[in-house]
N, C-alpha and C. Protein backbone atom coordinates (compact mmCIF):
# COMPACT_ATOMS: atom_id res chain seq x y z
N UNK A 1 83.37 117.38 40.31
CA UNK A 1 84.38 116.95 41.25
C UNK A 1 84.16 115.48 41.59
N UNK A 2 85.23 114.84 41.98
CA UNK A 2 85.18 113.40 42.26
C UNK A 2 85.83 113.12 43.61
N UNK A 3 85.13 112.39 44.43
CA UNK A 3 85.68 111.98 45.72
C UNK A 3 86.07 110.50 45.62
N UNK A 4 87.29 110.19 46.04
CA UNK A 4 87.80 108.83 46.00
C UNK A 4 87.60 108.23 47.39
N UNK A 5 87.02 107.01 47.42
CA UNK A 5 86.68 106.34 48.67
C UNK A 5 87.15 104.90 48.65
N UNK A 6 87.30 104.34 49.83
CA UNK A 6 87.53 102.90 49.94
C UNK A 6 86.75 102.38 51.14
N UNK A 7 86.49 101.08 51.14
CA UNK A 7 85.76 100.49 52.25
C UNK A 7 86.63 99.44 52.93
N UNK A 8 86.35 99.26 54.19
CA UNK A 8 87.09 98.30 54.99
C UNK A 8 86.14 97.63 55.98
N UNK A 9 86.48 96.44 56.41
CA UNK A 9 85.68 95.73 57.39
C UNK A 9 84.49 95.01 56.78
N UNK A 10 83.68 94.44 57.65
CA UNK A 10 82.47 93.76 57.22
C UNK A 10 81.45 93.78 58.35
N UNK A 11 80.23 93.66 58.01
CA UNK A 11 79.11 93.66 58.95
C UNK A 11 79.17 94.85 59.90
N UNK A 12 79.38 94.61 61.19
CA UNK A 12 79.34 95.70 62.16
C UNK A 12 80.59 96.58 62.17
N UNK A 13 81.66 96.14 61.55
CA UNK A 13 82.88 96.96 61.50
C UNK A 13 83.08 97.62 60.13
N UNK A 14 82.04 97.58 59.27
CA UNK A 14 82.14 98.16 57.93
C UNK A 14 82.31 99.67 58.01
N UNK A 15 83.23 100.20 57.21
CA UNK A 15 83.50 101.64 57.24
C UNK A 15 83.87 102.11 55.83
N UNK A 16 83.35 103.26 55.45
CA UNK A 16 83.72 103.89 54.19
C UNK A 16 84.59 105.10 54.52
N UNK A 17 85.74 105.17 53.90
CA UNK A 17 86.70 106.25 54.17
C UNK A 17 86.92 107.08 52.92
N UNK A 18 86.90 108.39 53.06
CA UNK A 18 87.21 109.30 51.97
C UNK A 18 88.71 109.52 51.94
N UNK A 19 89.29 109.44 50.74
CA UNK A 19 90.74 109.63 50.63
C UNK A 19 91.06 111.06 50.20
N UNK A 20 90.51 111.48 49.06
CA UNK A 20 90.72 112.84 48.59
C UNK A 20 89.69 113.21 47.53
N UNK A 21 89.68 114.49 47.16
CA UNK A 21 88.77 115.01 46.13
C UNK A 21 89.62 115.60 45.01
N UNK A 22 89.19 115.40 43.78
CA UNK A 22 89.89 115.96 42.62
C UNK A 22 88.88 116.48 41.61
N UNK A 23 89.35 117.38 40.77
CA UNK A 23 88.51 117.91 39.69
C UNK A 23 88.57 117.05 38.44
N UNK A 24 89.57 116.19 38.36
CA UNK A 24 89.82 115.43 37.13
C UNK A 24 89.36 113.98 37.26
N UNK A 25 88.51 113.58 36.34
CA UNK A 25 88.02 112.21 36.34
C UNK A 25 89.16 111.23 36.07
N UNK A 26 90.08 111.64 35.21
CA UNK A 26 91.21 110.77 34.87
C UNK A 26 92.06 110.47 36.11
N UNK A 27 92.32 111.48 36.93
CA UNK A 27 93.09 111.30 38.15
C UNK A 27 92.38 110.33 39.09
N UNK A 28 91.08 110.51 39.23
CA UNK A 28 90.29 109.62 40.10
C UNK A 28 90.34 108.18 39.61
N UNK A 29 90.15 107.99 38.32
CA UNK A 29 90.15 106.65 37.73
C UNK A 29 91.52 105.99 37.87
N UNK A 30 92.58 106.74 37.63
CA UNK A 30 93.93 106.19 37.74
C UNK A 30 94.24 105.78 39.18
N UNK A 31 93.83 106.61 40.15
CA UNK A 31 94.09 106.29 41.55
C UNK A 31 93.34 105.03 41.97
N UNK A 32 92.08 104.94 41.59
CA UNK A 32 91.27 103.77 41.94
C UNK A 32 91.88 102.50 41.35
N UNK A 33 92.29 102.57 40.10
CA UNK A 33 92.91 101.42 39.44
C UNK A 33 94.17 100.99 40.17
N UNK A 34 95.01 101.96 40.52
CA UNK A 34 96.26 101.67 41.23
C UNK A 34 95.97 101.07 42.61
N UNK A 35 95.01 101.63 43.33
CA UNK A 35 94.63 101.15 44.66
C UNK A 35 94.17 99.69 44.59
N UNK A 36 93.32 99.39 43.61
CA UNK A 36 92.80 98.02 43.46
C UNK A 36 93.91 97.04 43.14
N UNK A 37 94.88 97.45 42.30
CA UNK A 37 96.02 96.58 41.99
C UNK A 37 96.84 96.29 43.23
N UNK A 38 97.04 97.32 44.06
CA UNK A 38 97.81 97.13 45.30
C UNK A 38 97.08 96.20 46.27
N UNK A 39 95.78 96.37 46.40
CA UNK A 39 95.00 95.48 47.28
C UNK A 39 95.16 94.03 46.82
N UNK A 40 94.99 93.82 45.52
CA UNK A 40 95.09 92.47 44.97
C UNK A 40 96.48 91.87 45.22
N UNK A 41 97.51 92.67 45.00
CA UNK A 41 98.89 92.22 45.20
C UNK A 41 99.15 91.83 46.65
N UNK A 42 98.76 92.71 47.59
CA UNK A 42 99.03 92.44 49.00
C UNK A 42 98.17 91.32 49.55
N UNK A 43 96.94 91.19 49.10
CA UNK A 43 96.11 90.06 49.56
C UNK A 43 96.70 88.74 49.08
N UNK A 44 97.22 88.73 47.86
CA UNK A 44 97.85 87.52 47.34
C UNK A 44 99.08 87.17 48.17
N UNK A 45 99.88 88.18 48.49
CA UNK A 45 101.09 87.95 49.29
C UNK A 45 100.74 87.43 50.69
N UNK A 46 99.80 88.07 51.36
CA UNK A 46 99.46 87.70 52.74
C UNK A 46 98.58 86.47 52.85
N UNK A 47 98.10 85.95 51.73
CA UNK A 47 97.31 84.73 51.76
C UNK A 47 98.11 83.55 52.32
N UNK A 48 99.42 83.59 52.13
CA UNK A 48 100.26 82.50 52.64
C UNK A 48 100.27 82.45 54.16
N UNK A 49 99.85 83.52 54.82
CA UNK A 49 99.81 83.55 56.28
C UNK A 49 98.46 83.13 56.85
N UNK A 50 97.48 82.84 56.00
CA UNK A 50 96.19 82.34 56.51
C UNK A 50 96.44 81.02 57.24
N UNK A 51 95.89 80.91 58.43
CA UNK A 51 96.09 79.69 59.22
C UNK A 51 97.42 79.64 59.93
N UNK A 52 98.15 80.74 59.92
CA UNK A 52 99.45 80.82 60.58
C UNK A 52 99.23 80.80 62.08
N UNK A 53 99.75 79.80 62.78
CA UNK A 53 99.45 79.59 64.19
C UNK A 53 100.31 80.41 65.16
N UNK A 54 101.41 80.95 64.70
CA UNK A 54 102.34 81.63 65.60
C UNK A 54 102.21 83.15 65.56
N UNK A 55 101.00 83.67 65.31
CA UNK A 55 100.81 85.12 65.19
C UNK A 55 101.21 85.87 66.44
N UNK A 56 101.03 85.29 67.60
CA UNK A 56 101.27 86.02 68.84
C UNK A 56 102.74 86.06 69.24
N UNK A 57 103.59 85.35 68.53
CA UNK A 57 105.02 85.46 68.81
C UNK A 57 105.47 86.87 68.47
N UNK A 58 106.35 87.41 69.24
CA UNK A 58 106.77 88.80 69.06
C UNK A 58 107.34 89.06 67.67
N UNK A 59 108.07 88.11 67.12
CA UNK A 59 108.70 88.33 65.81
C UNK A 59 107.66 88.38 64.68
N UNK A 60 106.45 87.87 64.91
CA UNK A 60 105.42 87.87 63.87
C UNK A 60 104.31 88.90 64.11
N UNK A 61 104.38 89.61 65.22
CA UNK A 61 103.28 90.51 65.58
C UNK A 61 103.07 91.60 64.54
N UNK A 62 104.15 92.19 64.02
CA UNK A 62 104.01 93.24 63.00
C UNK A 62 103.38 92.67 61.73
N UNK A 63 103.70 91.45 61.39
CA UNK A 63 103.10 90.81 60.22
C UNK A 63 101.60 90.61 60.43
N UNK A 64 101.21 90.24 61.64
CA UNK A 64 99.79 90.03 61.92
C UNK A 64 99.01 91.33 61.77
N UNK A 65 99.55 92.40 62.32
CA UNK A 65 98.88 93.70 62.25
C UNK A 65 98.68 94.11 60.79
N UNK A 66 99.71 93.96 59.98
CA UNK A 66 99.62 94.31 58.56
C UNK A 66 98.66 93.36 57.84
N UNK A 67 98.75 92.07 58.13
CA UNK A 67 97.88 91.07 57.52
C UNK A 67 96.42 91.41 57.79
N UNK A 68 96.12 91.74 59.04
CA UNK A 68 94.74 92.06 59.42
C UNK A 68 94.23 93.29 58.67
N UNK A 69 95.03 94.33 58.60
CA UNK A 69 94.63 95.55 57.90
C UNK A 69 94.40 95.29 56.42
N UNK A 70 95.29 94.53 55.80
CA UNK A 70 95.15 94.24 54.37
C UNK A 70 93.91 93.39 54.11
N UNK A 71 93.67 92.39 54.93
CA UNK A 71 92.52 91.52 54.73
C UNK A 71 91.20 92.23 54.97
N UNK A 72 91.21 93.32 55.73
CA UNK A 72 89.99 94.08 55.98
C UNK A 72 89.62 95.01 54.82
N UNK A 73 90.58 95.33 53.94
CA UNK A 73 90.29 96.20 52.80
C UNK A 73 89.36 95.51 51.82
N UNK A 74 88.36 96.23 51.34
CA UNK A 74 87.41 95.66 50.40
C UNK A 74 87.65 96.15 48.98
N UNK A 75 87.35 97.40 48.72
CA UNK A 75 87.50 97.94 47.38
C UNK A 75 87.66 99.45 47.43
N UNK A 76 87.91 100.03 46.28
CA UNK A 76 88.08 101.47 46.16
C UNK A 76 87.24 101.93 44.97
N UNK A 77 86.69 103.13 45.04
CA UNK A 77 85.88 103.67 43.96
C UNK A 77 85.85 105.19 44.05
N UNK A 78 85.32 105.83 43.01
CA UNK A 78 85.12 107.27 43.05
C UNK A 78 83.64 107.57 42.84
N UNK A 79 83.21 108.68 43.41
CA UNK A 79 81.84 109.16 43.24
C UNK A 79 81.90 110.60 42.77
N UNK A 80 81.02 110.92 41.85
CA UNK A 80 80.94 112.29 41.38
C UNK A 80 80.11 113.12 42.36
N UNK A 81 80.62 114.29 42.70
CA UNK A 81 79.92 115.20 43.60
C UNK A 81 79.85 116.58 42.94
N UNK A 82 79.00 117.43 43.47
CA UNK A 82 78.90 118.79 42.92
C UNK A 82 79.03 119.81 44.04
N UNK A 83 79.52 120.97 43.69
CA UNK A 83 79.63 122.06 44.66
C UNK A 83 78.31 122.74 44.81
N UNK A 84 78.06 123.29 45.95
CA UNK A 84 76.82 124.05 46.17
C UNK A 84 77.03 125.48 45.84
């Protein structure tokens, strides 16, 4: 069995989150690959907001929340586990 995980944060806010478990290695590998592509895509998109000074304006607040969450994502991976 394979558990798919991702990490977020850094230093004192670092967290590892379990997403799901599957019996198929192929499913795990495909999900991890897709997750990493999405992280890369969204980080590239939100990079244009680095240094954006008007984050606290109401019209940009939703963008800030999403930007922060995306920038906190680190990576995704799978680990093999066994049943007892």
